[in-house]
Amino acid sequence: MEFLEVAWDIFVRYKTLFFNGVQITLLLAITGTIFGLVIGLVVGALRAIKLEGRESVIVKGLKKVLDTILTIYIEFFRGTPMMVQSFFIYYGLKSAGLMWSPITAGIVIISINTGAYMSEIIRAGIQSVDKGQTEGARSLGMSNLQTMFYIVIPQAIRNSFPSIINEFIVNIKDSSVLNVIAVNDLYFQGSSVAGSVFKYTETFFVVAMIYLCLTYPTSKILGYIEKKMDIRHLGTVGD
């Protein structure tokens, strides 16, 4: 009981700092997920497009070069820790003359990192779309790009919605690594409070509970939206 009393006292005394940290954490998670999804849609779609045999050698060569560049991007950001990426991108570009704030850098880093994961999620979603959809669109005279962005992508997003939800929840938690570049998110504020009161266990218990209060309701709300989308989709198919 004493442990909980101390934790509650810390929360009450420093709730303003914790609230400010929550705001930054949500800003990073929301913007990073949205921008990452946009990046993932573009990268995933470009990787999934298959060229036809009648395309010129130049077009095929450019597509091969593009696929190589995108593959390197995906493998690098999926294969290295975001903490390392944060150091490399923030301090590397700052030393090159880019004077940007830690929060701006954090949004960019999370967006690029999320984009690498989203691109594979979207690509898997594209592959799950019935090939008959593509064949039907092509028979109507639509180009590869038109078919991809008007027919395939919307269905791929719906098919990938659970994974997109999961990426958002992951970003709420993983934004904590950005404290290494002094982003004052929830974890950073918790560390500051713990250093002030010298109650690390109690303080980080408070931080953990706040993270849980962010992720659990979010997963339930987005899960409800997913079910509604599935019901609507089944109703459309039934009609």
C-alpha atoms as a PDB file:
ATOM      1  CA  MET A   1       0.000   0.000   0.000  1.00  0.00           C
ATOM      2  CA  GLU A   2       2.840   2.384   0.780  1.00  0.00           C
ATOM      3  CA  PHE A   3       4.210   1.814  -2.724  1.00  0.00           C
ATOM      4  CA  LEU A   4       0.882   2.802  -4.304  1.00  0.00           C
ATOM      5  CA  GLU A   5       0.547   5.826  -2.013  1.00  0.00           C
ATOM      6  CA  VAL A   6       3.981   7.077  -3.026  1.00  0.00           C
ATOM      7  CA  ALA A   7       3.208   6.460  -6.713  1.00  0.00           C
ATOM      8  CA  TRP A   8      -0.097   8.327  -6.425  1.00  0.00           C
ATOM      9  CA  ASP A   9       1.604  11.224  -4.639  1.00  0.00           C
ATOM     10  CA  ILE A  10       4.183  11.456  -7.428  1.00  0.00           C
ATOM     11  CA  PHE A  11       1.445  11.443 -10.047  1.00  0.00           C
ATOM     12  CA  VAL A  12      -0.525  14.199  -8.285  1.00  0.00           C
ATOM     13  CA  ARG A  13       2.538  16.384  -7.693  1.00  0.00           C
ATOM     14  CA  TYR A  14       3.907  16.080 -11.219  1.00  0.00           C
ATOM     15  CA  LYS A  15       0.729  15.490 -13.245  1.00  0.00           C
ATOM     16  CA  THR A  16       1.385  18.598 -15.352  1.00  0.00           C
ATOM     17  CA  LEU A  17       4.732  17.205 -16.512  1.00  0.00           C
ATOM     18  CA  PHE A  18       3.199  13.812 -17.198  1.00  0.00           C
ATOM     19  CA  PHE A  19       0.354  15.429 -19.155  1.00  0.00           C
ATOM     20  CA  ASN A  20       2.817  17.428 -21.254  1.00  0.00           C
ATOM     21  CA  GLY A  21       4.714  14.213 -21.940  1.00  0.00           C
ATOM     22  CA  VAL A  22       1.495  12.466 -23.009  1.00  0.00           C
ATOM     23  CA  GLN A  23       0.776  15.277 -25.476  1.00  0.00           C
ATOM     24  CA  ILE A  24       4.203  14.922 -27.094  1.00  0.00           C
ATOM     25  CA  THR A  25       3.934  11.118 -27.144  1.00  0.00           C
ATOM     26  CA  LEU A  26       0.538  11.248 -28.897  1.00  0.00           C
ATOM     27  CA  LEU A  27       1.797  13.907 -31.318  1.00  0.00           C
ATOM     28  CA  LEU A  28       4.723  11.684 -32.283  1.00  0.00           C
ATOM     29  CA  ALA A  29       2.600   8.525 -32.543  1.00  0.00           C
ATOM     30  CA  ILE A  30      -0.250  10.064 -34.547  1.00  0.00           C
ATOM     31  CA  THR A  31       1.817  12.100 -36.998  1.00  0.00           C
ATOM     32  CA  GLY A  32       4.418   9.354 -37.337  1.00  0.00           C
ATOM     33  CA  THR A  33       1.760   6.763 -38.120  1.00  0.00           C
ATOM     34  CA  ILE A  34      -0.053   8.989 -40.638  1.00  0.00           C
ATOM     35  CA  PHE A  35       3.109  10.034 -42.486  1.00  0.00           C
ATOM     36  CA  GLY A  36       4.457   6.499 -42.222  1.00  0.00           C
ATOM     37  CA  LEU A  37       1.261   5.152 -43.775  1.00  0.00           C
ATOM     38  CA  VAL A  38       1.582   7.595 -46.674  1.00  0.00           C
ATOM     39  CA  ILE A  39       5.193   6.518 -47.207  1.00  0.00           C
ATOM     40  CA  GLY A  40       4.177   2.874 -46.904  1.00  0.00           C
ATOM     41  CA  LEU A  41       1.375   3.268 -49.446  1.00  0.00           C
ATOM     42  CA  VAL A  42       3.710   4.793 -52.023  1.00  0.00           C
ATOM     43  CA  VAL A  43       6.620   2.416 -51.420  1.00  0.00           C
ATOM     44  CA  GLY A  44       4.421  -0.679 -51.122  1.00  0.00           C
ATOM     45  CA  ALA A  45       2.496   0.168 -54.276  1.00  0.00           C
ATOM     46  CA  LEU A  46       5.643   0.890 -56.295  1.00  0.00           C
ATOM     47  CA  ARG A  47       7.207  -2.411 -55.204  1.00  0.00           C
ATOM     48  CA  ALA A  48       4.030  -4.342 -55.972  1.00  0.00           C
ATOM     49  CA  ILE A  49       3.563  -2.994 -59.507  1.00  0.00           C
ATOM     50  CA  LYS A  50       4.512  -5.586 -62.112  1.00  0.00           C
ATOM     51  CA  LEU A  51       5.687  -4.369 -65.491  1.00  0.00           C
ATOM     52  CA  GLU A  52       4.284  -5.904 -68.636  1.00  0.00           C
ATOM     53  CA  GLY A  53       6.448  -7.588 -71.233  1.00  0.00           C
ATOM     54  CA  ARG A  54       5.934  -4.802 -73.790  1.00  0.00           C
ATOM     55  CA  GLU A  55       7.571  -2.167 -71.551  1.00  0.00           C
ATOM     56  CA  SER A  56      10.847  -0.723 -72.861  1.00  0.00           C
ATOM     57  CA  VAL A  57      14.241  -1.790 -71.579  1.00  0.00           C
ATOM     58  CA  ILE A  58      14.748   1.671 -70.047  1.00  0.00           C
ATOM     59  CA  VAL A  59      11.510   1.459 -68.059  1.00  0.00           C
ATOM     60  CA  LYS A  60      12.409  -2.040 -66.852  1.00  0.00           C
ATOM     61  CA  GLY A  61      15.889  -0.859 -65.877  1.00  0.00           C
ATOM     62  CA  LEU A  62      14.522   2.125 -63.944  1.00  0.00           C
ATOM     63  CA  LYS A  63      12.044  -0.138 -62.167  1.00  0.00           C
ATOM     64  CA  LYS A  64      14.855  -2.478 -61.152  1.00  0.00           C
ATOM     65  CA  VAL A  65      16.952   0.428 -59.795  1.00  0.00           C
ATOM     66  CA  LEU A  66      13.924   1.792 -57.917  1.00  0.00           C
ATOM     67  CA  ASP A  67      13.170  -1.632 -56.414  1.00  0.00           C
ATOM     68  CA  THR A  68      16.780  -1.908 -55.242  1.00  0.00           C
ATOM     69  CA  ILE A  69      16.712   1.534 -53.582  1.00  0.00           C
ATOM     70  CA  LEU A  70      13.383   0.823 -51.866  1.00  0.00           C
ATOM     71  CA  THR A  71      14.584  -2.578 -50.679  1.00  0.00           C
ATOM     72  CA  ILE A  72      17.706  -1.003 -49.132  1.00  0.00           C
ATOM     73  CA  TYR A  73      15.513   1.595 -47.401  1.00  0.00           C
ATOM     74  CA  ILE A  74      13.172  -1.052 -45.987  1.00  0.00           C
ATOM     75  CA  GLU A  75      15.913  -3.415 -44.854  1.00  0.00           C
ATOM     76  CA  PHE A  76      17.947  -0.646 -43.232  1.00  0.00           C
ATOM     77  CA  PHE A  77      15.110   0.828 -41.183  1.00  0.00           C
ATOM     78  CA  ARG A  78      13.613  -2.541 -40.264  1.00  0.00           C
ATOM     79  CA  GLY A  79      16.992  -4.058 -39.456  1.00  0.00           C
ATOM     80  CA  THR A  80      18.428  -1.369 -37.197  1.00  0.00           C
ATOM     81  CA  PRO A  81      17.153  -0.072 -33.822  1.00  0.00           C
ATOM     82  CA  MET A  82      15.219   3.205 -33.914  1.00  0.00           C
ATOM     83  CA  MET A  83      17.467   4.507 -31.122  1.00  0.00           C
ATOM     84  CA  VAL A  84      20.489   4.142 -33.394  1.00  0.00           C
ATOM     85  CA  GLN A  85      18.567   5.710 -36.274  1.00  0.00           C
ATOM     86  CA  SER A  86      17.694   8.655 -34.021  1.00  0.00           C
ATOM     87  CA  PHE A  87      21.351   9.330 -33.180  1.00  0.00           C
ATOM     88  CA  PHE A  88      22.447   8.923 -36.788  1.00  0.00           C
ATOM     89  CA  ILE A  89      19.743  11.075 -38.399  1.00  0.00           C
ATOM     90  CA  TYR A  90      19.386  13.816 -35.776  1.00  0.00           C
ATOM     91  CA  TYR A  91      23.015  14.456 -34.902  1.00  0.00           C
ATOM     92  CA  GLY A  92      24.293  13.590 -38.377  1.00  0.00           C
ATOM     93  CA  LEU A  93      22.078  16.143 -40.109  1.00  0.00           C
ATOM     94  CA  LYS A  94      22.589  18.685 -37.332  1.00  0.00           C
ATOM     95  CA  SER A  95      26.339  18.502 -37.772  1.00  0.00           C
ATOM     96  CA  ALA A  96      25.746  19.011 -41.507  1.00  0.00           C
ATOM     97  CA  GLY A  97      24.032  22.329 -40.772  1.00  0.00           C
ATOM     98  CA  LEU A  98      20.364  21.401 -40.382  1.00  0.00           C
ATOM     99  CA  MET A  99      19.147  23.289 -37.292  1.00  0.00           C
ATOM    100  CA  TRP A 100      15.983  21.392 -36.393  1.00  0.00           C
ATOM    101  CA  SER A 101      14.222  20.789 -33.098  1.00  0.00           C
ATOM    102  CA  PRO A 102      14.200  17.375 -31.400  1.00  0.00           C
ATOM    103  CA  ILE A 103      10.410  17.090 -31.862  1.00  0.00           C
ATOM    104  CA  THR A 104      10.629  17.778 -35.606  1.00  0.00           C
ATOM    105  CA  ALA A 105      13.446  15.245 -35.864  1.00  0.00           C
ATOM    106  CA  GLY A 106      11.405  12.755 -33.821  1.00  0.00           C
ATOM    107  CA  ILE A 107       8.416  13.050 -36.164  1.00  0.00           C
ATOM    108  CA  VAL A 108      10.663  12.553 -39.194  1.00  0.00           C
ATOM    109  CA  ILE A 109      12.430   9.567 -37.633  1.00  0.00           C
ATOM    110  CA  ILE A 110       9.220   7.803 -36.562  1.00  0.00           C
ATOM    111  CA  SER A 111       7.613   8.518 -39.953  1.00  0.00           C
ATOM    112  CA  ILE A 112      10.523   7.063 -41.925  1.00  0.00           C
ATOM    113  CA  ASN A 113      10.831   4.088 -39.584  1.00  0.00           C
ATOM    114  CA  THR A 114       7.090   3.406 -39.672  1.00  0.00           C
ATOM    115  CA  GLY A 115       7.060   3.817 -43.456  1.00  0.00           C
ATOM    116  CA  ALA A 116       9.474   0.894 -43.804  1.00  0.00           C
ATOM    117  CA  TYR A 117       7.142  -1.370 -41.819  1.00  0.00           C
ATOM    118  CA  MET A 118       3.990   0.004 -43.415  1.00  0.00           C
ATOM    119  CA  SER A 119       5.321  -0.645 -46.908  1.00  0.00           C
ATOM    120  CA  GLU A 120       5.596  -4.363 -46.159  1.00  0.00           C
ATOM    121  CA  ILE A 121       2.165  -4.345 -44.498  1.00  0.00           C
ATOM    122  CA  ILE A 122       0.630  -2.661 -47.549  1.00  0.00           C
ATOM    123  CA  ARG A 123       2.480  -4.960 -49.934  1.00  0.00           C
ATOM    124  CA  ALA A 124       1.060  -7.976 -48.080  1.00  0.00           C
ATOM    125  CA  GLY A 125      -2.375  -6.352 -48.233  1.00  0.00           C
ATOM    126  CA  ILE A 126      -1.992  -5.835 -51.978  1.00  0.00           C
ATOM    127  CA  GLN A 127      -1.057  -9.471 -52.467  1.00  0.00           C
ATOM    128  CA  SER A 128      -4.176 -10.519 -50.541  1.00  0.00           C
ATOM    129  CA  VAL A 129      -6.473  -8.746 -53.022  1.00  0.00           C
ATOM    130  CA  ASP A 130      -8.116 -11.119 -55.468  1.00  0.00           C
ATOM    131  CA  LYS A 131      -6.297 -11.065 -58.813  1.00  0.00           C
ATOM    132  CA  GLY A 132      -9.677 -10.940 -60.529  1.00  0.00           C
ATOM    133  CA  GLN A 133      -9.988  -7.333 -59.321  1.00  0.00           C
ATOM    134  CA  THR A 134      -6.839  -6.392 -61.201  1.00  0.00           C
ATOM    135  CA  GLU A 135      -7.822  -8.328 -64.301  1.00  0.00           C
ATOM    136  CA  GLY A 136     -11.254  -6.712 -64.316  1.00  0.00           C
ATOM    137  CA  ALA A 137      -9.759  -3.224 -64.040  1.00  0.00           C
ATOM    138  CA  ARG A 138      -7.279  -3.890 -66.817  1.00  0.00           C
ATOM    139  CA  SER A 139     -10.048  -5.225 -69.052  1.00  0.00           C
ATOM    140  CA  LEU A 140     -11.763  -1.848 -68.632  1.00  0.00           C
ATOM    141  CA  GLY A 141      -8.653  -0.128 -69.982  1.00  0.00           C
ATOM    142  CA  MET A 142      -7.136   1.088 -66.729  1.00  0.00           C
ATOM    143  CA  SER A 143      -3.360   1.377 -66.537  1.00  0.00           C
ATOM    144  CA  ASN A 144      -1.169  -0.348 -63.932  1.00  0.00           C
ATOM    145  CA  LEU A 145      -1.006   2.797 -61.798  1.00  0.00           C
ATOM    146  CA  GLN A 146      -4.741   3.480 -62.080  1.00  0.00           C
ATOM    147  CA  THR A 147      -5.544  -0.112 -61.144  1.00  0.00           C
ATOM    148  CA  MET A 148      -3.170   0.012 -58.212  1.00  0.00           C
ATOM    149  CA  PHE A 149      -4.316   3.313 -56.676  1.00  0.00           C
ATOM    150  CA  TYR A 150      -8.042   3.171 -57.477  1.00  0.00           C
ATOM    151  CA  ILE A 151      -8.843  -0.532 -57.179  1.00  0.00           C
ATOM    152  CA  VAL A 152      -6.157  -2.426 -55.273  1.00  0.00           C
ATOM    153  CA  ILE A 153      -4.894   0.063 -52.654  1.00  0.00           C
ATOM    154  CA  PRO A 154      -8.297   0.802 -51.034  1.00  0.00           C
ATOM    155  CA  GLN A 155      -8.901  -2.927 -50.560  1.00  0.00           C
ATOM    156  CA  ALA A 156      -5.332  -3.468 -49.368  1.00  0.00           C
ATOM    157  CA  ILE A 157      -5.783  -0.798 -46.668  1.00  0.00           C
ATOM    158  CA  ARG A 158      -8.941  -2.498 -45.413  1.00  0.00           C
ATOM    159  CA  ASN A 159      -7.208  -5.883 -45.389  1.00  0.00           C
ATOM    160  CA  SER A 160      -4.212  -4.401 -43.563  1.00  0.00           C
ATOM    161  CA  PHE A 161      -6.194  -2.379 -41.019  1.00  0.00           C
ATOM    162  CA  PRO A 162      -5.351  -4.619 -38.006  1.00  0.00           C
ATOM    163  CA  SER A 163      -1.629  -4.316 -38.734  1.00  0.00           C
ATOM    164  CA  ILE A 164      -1.927  -0.548 -39.222  1.00  0.00           C
ATOM    165  CA  ILE A 165      -3.648  -0.320 -35.818  1.00  0.00           C
ATOM    166  CA  ASN A 166      -0.819  -2.326 -34.290  1.00  0.00           C
ATOM    167  CA  GLU A 167       1.792   0.025 -35.773  1.00  0.00           C
ATOM    168  CA  PHE A 168       0.061   3.008 -34.159  1.00  0.00           C
ATOM    169  CA  ILE A 169       0.090   1.295 -30.758  1.00  0.00           C
ATOM    170  CA  VAL A 170       3.741   0.319 -31.248  1.00  0.00           C
ATOM    171  CA  ASN A 171       4.563   3.958 -32.036  1.00  0.00           C
ATOM    172  CA  ILE A 172       2.978   5.122 -28.780  1.00  0.00           C
ATOM    173  CA  LYS A 173       5.403   2.871 -26.902  1.00  0.00           C
ATOM    174  CA  ASP A 174       8.463   3.098 -29.152  1.00  0.00           C
ATOM    175  CA  SER A 175       8.446   6.899 -29.168  1.00  0.00           C
ATOM    176  CA  SER A 176      10.142   6.546 -25.765  1.00  0.00           C
ATOM    177  CA  VAL A 177      13.475   5.802 -27.468  1.00  0.00           C
ATOM    178  CA  LEU A 178      13.520   9.369 -28.779  1.00  0.00           C
ATOM    179  CA  ASN A 179      14.551  10.549 -25.335  1.00  0.00           C
ATOM    180  CA  VAL A 180      18.110   9.977 -26.583  1.00  0.00           C
ATOM    181  CA  ILE A 181      17.747  13.131 -28.704  1.00  0.00           C
ATOM    182  CA  ALA A 182      16.019  15.025 -25.858  1.00  0.00           C
ATOM    183  CA  VAL A 183      12.441  14.709 -27.100  1.00  0.00           C
ATOM    184  CA  ASN A 184      10.419  15.540 -23.976  1.00  0.00           C
ATOM    185  CA  ASP A 185       7.847  12.782 -24.334  1.00  0.00           C
ATOM    186  CA  LEU A 186       6.233  10.807 -21.511  1.00  0.00           C
ATOM    187  CA  TYR A 187       9.318   8.668 -20.863  1.00  0.00           C
ATOM    188  CA  PHE A 188      11.594  11.733 -20.825  1.00  0.00           C
ATOM    189  CA  GLN A 189       9.317  13.493 -18.336  1.00  0.00           C
ATOM    190  CA  GLY A 190       9.199  10.348 -16.201  1.00  0.00           C
ATOM    191  CA  SER A 191      12.985  10.198 -16.142  1.00  0.00           C
ATOM    192  CA  SER A 192      13.133  13.855 -15.091  1.00  0.00           C
ATOM    193  CA  VAL A 193      10.646  13.287 -12.274  1.00  0.00           C
ATOM    194  CA  ALA A 194      12.433  10.129 -11.090  1.00  0.00           C
ATOM    195  CA  GLY A 195      15.713  12.007 -10.976  1.00  0.00           C
ATOM    196  CA  SER A 196      14.110  14.743  -8.892  1.00  0.00           C
ATOM    197  CA  VAL A 197      12.387  12.594  -6.272  1.00  0.00           C
ATOM    198  CA  PHE A 198      14.818   9.633  -6.325  1.00  0.00           C
ATOM    199  CA  LYS A 199      11.848   7.233  -6.493  1.00  0.00           C
ATOM    200  CA  TYR A 200      12.562   5.399  -9.721  1.00  0.00           C
ATOM    201  CA  THR A 201      10.372   2.334  -9.185  1.00  0.00           C
ATOM    202  CA  GLU A 202       7.298   4.306  -8.162  1.00  0.00           C
ATOM    203  CA  THR A 203       7.779   6.926 -10.877  1.00  0.00           C
ATOM    204  CA  PHE A 204       8.152   4.443 -13.685  1.00  0.00           C
ATOM    205  CA  PHE A 205       5.183   2.499 -12.342  1.00  0.00           C
ATOM    206  CA  VAL A 206       3.182   5.705 -12.894  1.00  0.00           C
ATOM    207  CA  VAL A 207       4.682   6.046 -16.382  1.00  0.00           C
ATOM    208  CA  ALA A 208       3.830   2.414 -17.196  1.00  0.00           C
ATOM    209  CA  MET A 209       0.212   2.901 -16.069  1.00  0.00           C
ATOM    210  CA  ILE A 210      -0.111   6.015 -18.218  1.00  0.00           C
ATOM    211  CA  TYR A 211       1.224   4.124 -21.262  1.00  0.00           C
ATOM    212  CA  LEU A 212      -1.292   1.364 -20.529  1.00  0.00           C
ATOM    213  CA  CYS A 213      -4.089   3.930 -20.320  1.00  0.00           C
ATOM    214  CA  LEU A 214      -3.048   5.176 -23.758  1.00  0.00           C
ATOM    215  CA  THR A 215      -2.633   1.839 -25.528  1.00  0.00           C
ATOM    216  CA  TYR A 216      -5.452  -0.279 -24.090  1.00  0.00           C
ATOM    217  CA  PRO A 217      -8.399   2.046 -24.898  1.00  0.00           C
ATOM    218  CA  THR A 218      -6.833   2.819 -28.272  1.00  0.00           C
ATOM    219  CA  SER A 219      -6.674  -0.872 -29.200  1.00  0.00           C
ATOM    220  CA  LYS A 220     -10.306  -1.349 -28.111  1.00  0.00           C
ATOM    221  CA  ILE A 221     -11.599   1.691 -30.012  1.00  0.00           C
ATOM    222  CA  LEU A 222      -9.731   0.854 -33.192  1.00  0.00           C
ATOM    223  CA  GLY A 223     -10.753  -2.804 -32.849  1.00  0.00           C
ATOM    224  CA  TYR A 224     -14.386  -1.645 -32.719  1.00  0.00           C
ATOM    225  CA  ILE A 225     -13.861   0.397 -35.891  1.00  0.00           C
ATOM    226  CA  GLU A 226     -12.326  -2.659 -37.564  1.00  0.00           C
ATOM    227  CA  LYS A 227     -15.375  -4.784 -36.708  1.00  0.00           C
ATOM    228  CA  LYS A 228     -17.685  -2.104 -38.111  1.00  0.00           C
ATOM    229  CA  MET A 229     -15.664  -2.068 -41.329  1.00  0.00           C
ATOM    230  CA  ASP A 230     -15.915  -5.868 -41.601  1.00  0.00           C
ATOM    231  CA  ILE A 231     -19.677  -5.814 -41.025  1.00  0.00           C
ATOM    232  CA  ARG A 232     -20.148  -3.111 -43.628  1.00  0.00           C
ATOM    233  CA  HIS A 233     -17.981  -5.045 -46.084  1.00  0.00           C
ATOM    234  CA  LEU A 234     -19.957  -8.268 -45.547  1.00  0.00           C
ATOM    235  CA  GLY A 235     -23.199  -6.378 -45.990  1.00  0.00           C
ATOM    236  CA  THR A 236     -21.985  -4.951 -49.282  1.00  0.00           C
ATOM    237  CA  VAL A 237     -20.926  -8.386 -50.501  1.00  0.00           C
ATOM    238  CA  GLY A 238     -24.269  -9.838 -49.458  1.00  0.00           C
ATOM    239  CA  ASP A 239     -26.151  -7.186 -51.407  1.00  0.00           C
END
